[in-house]
Amino acid sequence: MDNEIKTWLFDILQSIEEIESYFPKGEKKFKNFTEDIRTKRAVERNLEIIGEAVNRVLNKDGSIEISNARKIIATRNKIIHGYDKISEDIIWGIVVNHLPKLKEELKELMKD
């Protein structure tokens, strides 16, 4: 695998782990998320990084399979360009439901 692609995959994994670090002891509570503007903005920023890195990976090598890649990129675009319309519920759903799966997928990809 190309070194640039490895770097971008590492960036995605690092962003996921950073998001996880915002919730000590794995306690992901929606109320805590919505009441802490710094955590919300940090999560959004990391989702932007994830989306940009996925976009770069696909542009460099379209044969690499990342589940929901187009949705990840679309979410990045929505956060950046539609920042005033982004739903806390959607962001929270990504954090709780999708990032753990993406993390496992990346670990497998990076083994190669």
N, C-alpha and C. Protein backbone atom coordinates (compact mmCIF):
# COMPACT_ATOMS: atom_id res chain seq x y z
N MET A 1 0.85 -1.18 0.00
CA MET A 1 0.00 0.00 0.00
C MET A 1 0.89 1.25 0.00
N ASP A 2 0.49 2.23 -0.73
CA ASP A 2 1.20 3.50 -0.87
C ASP A 2 1.36 4.20 0.50
N ASN A 3 2.50 4.84 0.72
CA ASN A 3 2.76 5.51 2.00
C ASN A 3 1.80 6.65 2.30
N GLU A 4 1.41 7.40 1.25
CA GLU A 4 0.43 8.48 1.47
C GLU A 4 -0.89 7.90 1.96
N ILE A 5 -1.33 6.83 1.35
CA ILE A 5 -2.58 6.20 1.75
C ILE A 5 -2.48 5.70 3.18
N LYS A 6 -1.36 5.09 3.53
CA LYS A 6 -1.16 4.64 4.92
C LYS A 6 -1.25 5.81 5.89
N THR A 7 -0.68 6.93 5.50
CA THR A 7 -0.72 8.13 6.36
C THR A 7 -2.15 8.60 6.55
N TRP A 8 -2.93 8.63 5.46
CA TRP A 8 -4.31 9.09 5.55
C TRP A 8 -5.16 8.12 6.38
N LEU A 9 -4.92 6.82 6.22
CA LEU A 9 -5.65 5.85 7.03
C LEU A 9 -5.30 6.02 8.50
N PHE A 10 -4.02 6.28 8.78
CA PHE A 10 -3.60 6.53 10.16
C PHE A 10 -4.29 7.79 10.69
N ASP A 11 -4.39 8.83 9.87
CA ASP A 11 -5.07 10.06 10.29
C ASP A 11 -6.53 9.80 10.66
N ILE A 12 -7.19 8.96 9.88
CA ILE A 12 -8.58 8.61 10.17
C ILE A 12 -8.66 7.90 11.51
N LEU A 13 -7.81 6.90 11.69
CA LEU A 13 -7.80 6.14 12.94
C LEU A 13 -7.49 7.05 14.13
N GLN A 14 -6.53 7.92 13.96
CA GLN A 14 -6.15 8.84 15.04
C GLN A 14 -7.32 9.78 15.39
N SER A 15 -8.06 10.24 14.39
CA SER A 15 -9.21 11.11 14.63
C SER A 15 -10.31 10.38 15.38
N ILE A 16 -10.53 9.12 15.02
CA ILE A 16 -11.52 8.31 15.74
C ILE A 16 -11.11 8.15 17.20
N GLU A 17 -9.85 7.83 17.42
CA GLU A 17 -9.37 7.65 18.80
C GLU A 17 -9.41 8.95 19.58
N GLU A 18 -9.18 10.05 18.91
CA GLU A 18 -9.28 11.35 19.58
C GLU A 18 -10.73 11.61 20.01
N ILE A 19 -11.68 11.31 19.13
CA ILE A 19 -13.09 11.47 19.48
C ILE A 19 -13.43 10.59 20.68
N GLU A 20 -12.95 9.37 20.67
CA GLU A 20 -13.21 8.46 21.80
C GLU A 20 -12.64 9.03 23.10
N SER A 21 -11.53 9.73 23.01
CA SER A 21 -10.89 10.27 24.22
C SER A 21 -11.71 11.38 24.87
N TYR A 22 -12.65 11.95 24.14
CA TYR A 22 -13.49 13.01 24.70
C TYR A 22 -14.55 12.45 25.66
N PHE A 23 -14.68 11.14 25.67
CA PHE A 23 -15.69 10.49 26.50
C PHE A 23 -14.99 9.52 27.46
N PRO A 24 -14.54 10.04 28.60
CA PRO A 24 -13.77 9.22 29.55
C PRO A 24 -14.49 7.94 29.92
N LYS A 25 -13.71 6.90 30.03
CA LYS A 25 -14.22 5.58 30.42
C LYS A 25 -15.30 5.07 29.47
N GLY A 26 -15.30 5.55 28.26
CA GLY A 26 -16.25 5.08 27.26
C GLY A 26 -17.69 5.50 27.52
N GLU A 27 -17.87 6.45 28.43
CA GLU A 27 -19.23 6.90 28.76
C GLU A 27 -19.70 7.92 27.74
N LYS A 28 -20.36 7.43 26.72
CA LYS A 28 -20.87 8.30 25.68
C LYS A 28 -22.31 8.66 26.01
N LYS A 29 -22.49 9.88 26.48
CA LYS A 29 -23.82 10.35 26.85
C LYS A 29 -24.17 11.57 26.01
N PHE A 30 -25.30 11.48 25.33
CA PHE A 30 -25.74 12.53 24.44
C PHE A 30 -25.84 13.87 25.16
N LYS A 31 -26.35 13.86 26.37
CA LYS A 31 -26.53 15.10 27.14
C LYS A 31 -25.18 15.78 27.37
N ASN A 32 -24.17 15.02 27.75
CA ASN A 32 -22.85 15.59 27.97
C ASN A 32 -22.30 16.18 26.68
N PHE A 33 -22.53 15.50 25.58
CA PHE A 33 -22.08 15.97 24.27
C PHE A 33 -22.75 17.29 23.91
N THR A 34 -24.06 17.36 24.04
CA THR A 34 -24.79 18.56 23.61
C THR A 34 -24.54 19.77 24.51
N GLU A 35 -24.15 19.52 25.75
CA GLU A 35 -23.94 20.63 26.68
C GLU A 35 -22.51 21.15 26.70
N ASP A 36 -21.62 20.53 25.97
CA ASP A 36 -20.22 20.95 25.97
C ASP A 36 -19.82 21.37 24.57
N ILE A 37 -19.81 22.67 24.32
CA ILE A 37 -19.54 23.21 22.98
C ILE A 37 -18.13 22.85 22.50
N ARG A 38 -17.17 22.77 23.41
CA ARG A 38 -15.81 22.42 22.99
C ARG A 38 -15.75 20.99 22.48
N THR A 39 -16.44 20.09 23.15
CA THR A 39 -16.46 18.70 22.69
C THR A 39 -17.17 18.60 21.35
N LYS A 40 -18.30 19.29 21.22
CA LYS A 40 -19.02 19.27 19.93
C LYS A 40 -18.13 19.75 18.80
N ARG A 41 -17.45 20.86 19.00
CA ARG A 41 -16.61 21.41 17.94
C ARG A 41 -15.41 20.50 17.66
N ALA A 42 -14.86 19.89 18.69
CA ALA A 42 -13.73 18.98 18.50
C ALA A 42 -14.16 17.74 17.72
N VAL A 43 -15.34 17.22 18.04
CA VAL A 43 -15.87 16.06 17.30
C VAL A 43 -16.10 16.45 15.85
N GLU A 44 -16.72 17.59 15.62
CA GLU A 44 -16.97 18.04 14.25
C GLU A 44 -15.66 18.18 13.48
N ARG A 45 -14.65 18.77 14.10
CA ARG A 45 -13.36 18.94 13.43
C ARG A 45 -12.75 17.60 13.05
N ASN A 46 -12.83 16.65 13.96
CA ASN A 46 -12.28 15.33 13.66
C ASN A 46 -13.07 14.63 12.56
N LEU A 47 -14.37 14.84 12.51
CA LEU A 47 -15.17 14.27 11.42
C LEU A 47 -14.80 14.91 10.09
N GLU A 48 -14.45 16.20 10.11
CA GLU A 48 -13.97 16.86 8.90
C GLU A 48 -12.67 16.22 8.42
N ILE A 49 -11.77 15.97 9.35
CA ILE A 49 -10.49 15.33 9.01
C ILE A 49 -10.72 13.94 8.43
N ILE A 50 -11.61 13.18 9.07
CA ILE A 50 -11.93 11.84 8.59
C ILE A 50 -12.46 11.90 7.16
N GLY A 51 -13.39 12.80 6.93
CA GLY A 51 -13.98 12.93 5.59
C GLY A 51 -12.96 13.34 4.54
N GLU A 52 -12.09 14.26 4.89
CA GLU A 52 -11.06 14.71 3.94
C GLU A 52 -10.07 13.58 3.66
N ALA A 53 -9.67 12.86 4.69
CA ALA A 53 -8.72 11.76 4.50
C ALA A 53 -9.33 10.65 3.65
N VAL A 54 -10.60 10.32 3.88
CA VAL A 54 -11.27 9.31 3.06
C VAL A 54 -11.31 9.77 1.61
N ASN A 55 -11.62 11.03 1.40
CA ASN A 55 -11.66 11.58 0.04
C ASN A 55 -10.29 11.45 -0.63
N ARG A 56 -9.23 11.75 0.09
CA ARG A 56 -7.89 11.64 -0.48
C ARG A 56 -7.54 10.20 -0.83
N VAL A 57 -7.92 9.28 0.06
CA VAL A 57 -7.65 7.86 -0.20
C VAL A 57 -8.34 7.43 -1.48
N LEU A 58 -9.62 7.75 -1.61
CA LEU A 58 -10.38 7.33 -2.79
C LEU A 58 -9.86 7.98 -4.06
N ASN A 59 -9.44 9.24 -3.97
CA ASN A 59 -8.90 9.91 -5.15
C ASN A 59 -7.58 9.29 -5.59
N LYS A 60 -6.81 8.80 -4.64
CA LYS A 60 -5.51 8.20 -4.96
C LYS A 60 -5.67 6.76 -5.45
N ASP A 61 -6.60 6.03 -4.81
CA ASP A 61 -6.79 4.62 -5.17
C ASP A 61 -8.25 4.22 -4.93
N GLY A 62 -9.02 4.28 -5.98
CA GLY A 62 -10.45 3.98 -5.89
C GLY A 62 -10.77 2.53 -5.59
N SER A 63 -9.76 1.66 -5.61
CA SER A 63 -10.01 0.24 -5.33
C SER A 63 -10.05 -0.06 -3.83
N ILE A 64 -9.61 0.89 -3.01
CA ILE A 64 -9.65 0.68 -1.56
C ILE A 64 -11.09 0.83 -1.10
N GLU A 65 -11.55 -0.18 -0.40
CA GLU A 65 -12.94 -0.19 0.04
C GLU A 65 -13.06 0.27 1.48
N ILE A 66 -13.79 1.37 1.64
CA ILE A 66 -14.12 1.89 2.96
C ILE A 66 -15.64 2.02 2.98
N SER A 67 -16.27 1.31 3.92
CA SER A 67 -17.73 1.32 4.00
C SER A 67 -18.24 2.75 4.17
N ASN A 68 -19.29 3.05 3.45
CA ASN A 68 -19.94 4.36 3.53
C ASN A 68 -19.02 5.52 3.20
N ALA A 69 -18.03 5.28 2.37
CA ALA A 69 -17.04 6.32 2.05
C ALA A 69 -17.71 7.59 1.52
N ARG A 70 -18.63 7.44 0.61
CA ARG A 70 -19.29 8.63 0.04
C ARG A 70 -20.10 9.38 1.09
N LYS A 71 -20.73 8.65 2.01
CA LYS A 71 -21.49 9.30 3.09
C LYS A 71 -20.54 10.02 4.05
N ILE A 72 -19.38 9.44 4.28
CA ILE A 72 -18.39 10.08 5.16
C ILE A 72 -17.94 11.40 4.54
N ILE A 73 -17.67 11.38 3.25
CA ILE A 73 -17.25 12.60 2.55
C ILE A 73 -18.39 13.62 2.54
N ALA A 74 -19.60 13.16 2.31
CA ALA A 74 -20.75 14.06 2.30
C ALA A 74 -20.97 14.69 3.67
N THR A 75 -20.74 13.94 4.73
CA THR A 75 -20.88 14.48 6.08
C THR A 75 -19.85 15.57 6.31
N ARG A 76 -18.62 15.32 5.87
CA ARG A 76 -17.56 16.33 5.98
C ARG A 76 -17.99 17.61 5.29
N ASN A 77 -18.52 17.48 4.07
CA ASN A 77 -18.95 18.65 3.32
C ASN A 77 -20.09 19.38 4.01
N LYS A 78 -20.99 18.61 4.58
CA LYS A 78 -22.14 19.21 5.26
C LYS A 78 -21.69 19.98 6.51
N ILE A 79 -20.74 19.42 7.25
CA ILE A 79 -20.24 20.10 8.44
C ILE A 79 -19.56 21.41 8.04
N ILE A 80 -18.76 21.37 6.99
CA ILE A 80 -18.01 22.55 6.57
C ILE A 80 -18.91 23.60 5.92
N HIS A 81 -19.73 23.17 4.98
CA HIS A 81 -20.50 24.13 4.19
C HIS A 81 -21.90 24.40 4.75
N GLY A 82 -22.41 23.46 5.52
CA GLY A 82 -23.74 23.64 6.08
C GLY A 82 -23.70 23.62 7.60
N TYR A 83 -22.66 24.23 8.14
CA TYR A 83 -22.42 24.19 9.58
C TYR A 83 -23.63 24.63 10.41
N ASP A 84 -24.44 25.52 9.85
CA ASP A 84 -25.60 26.03 10.58
C ASP A 84 -26.81 25.10 10.50
N LYS A 85 -26.67 24.04 9.70
CA LYS A 85 -27.80 23.12 9.54
C LYS A 85 -27.48 21.71 10.03
N ILE A 86 -26.29 21.52 10.58
CA ILE A 86 -25.89 20.18 11.01
C ILE A 86 -26.60 19.82 12.32
N SER A 87 -27.12 18.63 12.35
CA SER A 87 -27.90 18.17 13.49
C SER A 87 -27.02 17.47 14.52
N GLU A 88 -27.20 17.83 15.78
CA GLU A 88 -26.48 17.15 16.86
C GLU A 88 -26.81 15.66 16.86
N ASP A 89 -28.05 15.33 16.54
CA ASP A 89 -28.47 13.92 16.51
C ASP A 89 -27.69 13.13 15.47
N ILE A 90 -27.48 13.73 14.31
CA ILE A 90 -26.75 13.04 13.25
C ILE A 90 -25.29 12.84 13.66
N ILE A 91 -24.68 13.89 14.18
CA ILE A 91 -23.29 13.78 14.63
C ILE A 91 -23.18 12.71 15.71
N TRP A 92 -24.09 12.72 16.65
CA TRP A 92 -24.06 11.76 17.74
C TRP A 92 -24.24 10.33 17.22
N GLY A 93 -25.14 10.15 16.26
CA GLY A 93 -25.34 8.83 15.66
C GLY A 93 -24.08 8.31 15.00
N ILE A 94 -23.35 9.20 14.36
CA ILE A 94 -22.08 8.81 13.73
C ILE A 94 -21.10 8.37 14.81
N VAL A 95 -20.98 9.15 15.87
CA VAL A 95 -20.04 8.84 16.96
C VAL A 95 -20.35 7.49 17.58
N VAL A 96 -21.60 7.24 17.86
CA VAL A 96 -22.00 6.04 18.59
C VAL A 96 -22.11 4.81 17.68
N ASN A 97 -22.65 4.98 16.50
CA ASN A 97 -22.96 3.83 15.65
C ASN A 97 -21.95 3.53 14.56
N HIS A 98 -21.37 4.55 13.97
CA HIS A 98 -20.55 4.34 12.78
C HIS A 98 -19.05 4.34 13.01
N LEU A 99 -18.58 5.19 13.91
CA LEU A 99 -17.14 5.25 14.13
C LEU A 99 -16.53 3.96 14.67
N PRO A 100 -17.20 3.26 15.59
CA PRO A 100 -16.61 1.99 16.05
C PRO A 100 -16.43 0.98 14.91
N LYS A 101 -17.38 0.92 14.00
CA LYS A 101 -17.27 0.02 12.85
C LYS A 101 -16.15 0.46 11.92
N LEU A 102 -16.07 1.76 11.67
CA LEU A 102 -15.02 2.29 10.80
C LEU A 102 -13.65 2.01 11.41
N LYS A 103 -13.54 2.15 12.70
CA LYS A 103 -12.26 1.88 13.38
C LYS A 103 -11.80 0.45 13.15
N GLU A 104 -12.70 -0.49 13.30
CA GLU A 104 -12.34 -1.90 13.09
C GLU A 104 -11.97 -2.16 11.64
N GLU A 105 -12.70 -1.55 10.73
CA GLU A 105 -12.40 -1.70 9.30
C GLU A 105 -11.01 -1.16 8.97
N LEU A 106 -10.67 -0.02 9.55
CA LEU A 106 -9.36 0.58 9.30
C LEU A 106 -8.23 -0.28 9.85
N LYS A 107 -8.44 -0.85 11.00
CA LYS A 107 -7.42 -1.73 11.58
C LYS A 107 -7.13 -2.89 10.63
N GLU A 108 -8.17 -3.43 10.03
CA GLU A 108 -7.99 -4.51 9.06
C GLU A 108 -7.26 -4.04 7.81
N LEU A 109 -7.65 -2.88 7.28
CA LEU A 109 -7.00 -2.32 6.11
C LEU A 109 -5.51 -2.06 6.35
N MET A 110 -5.20 -1.61 7.53
CA MET A 110 -3.82 -1.23 7.84
C MET A 110 -2.93 -2.44 8.11
N LYS A 111 -3.52 -3.60 8.27
CA LYS A 111 -2.72 -4.82 8.45
C LYS A 111 -1.98 -5.20 7.18
N ASP A 112 -2.57 -4.82 6.04
CA ASP A 112 -1.98 -5.20 4.74
C ASP A 112 -0.69 -4.48 4.47
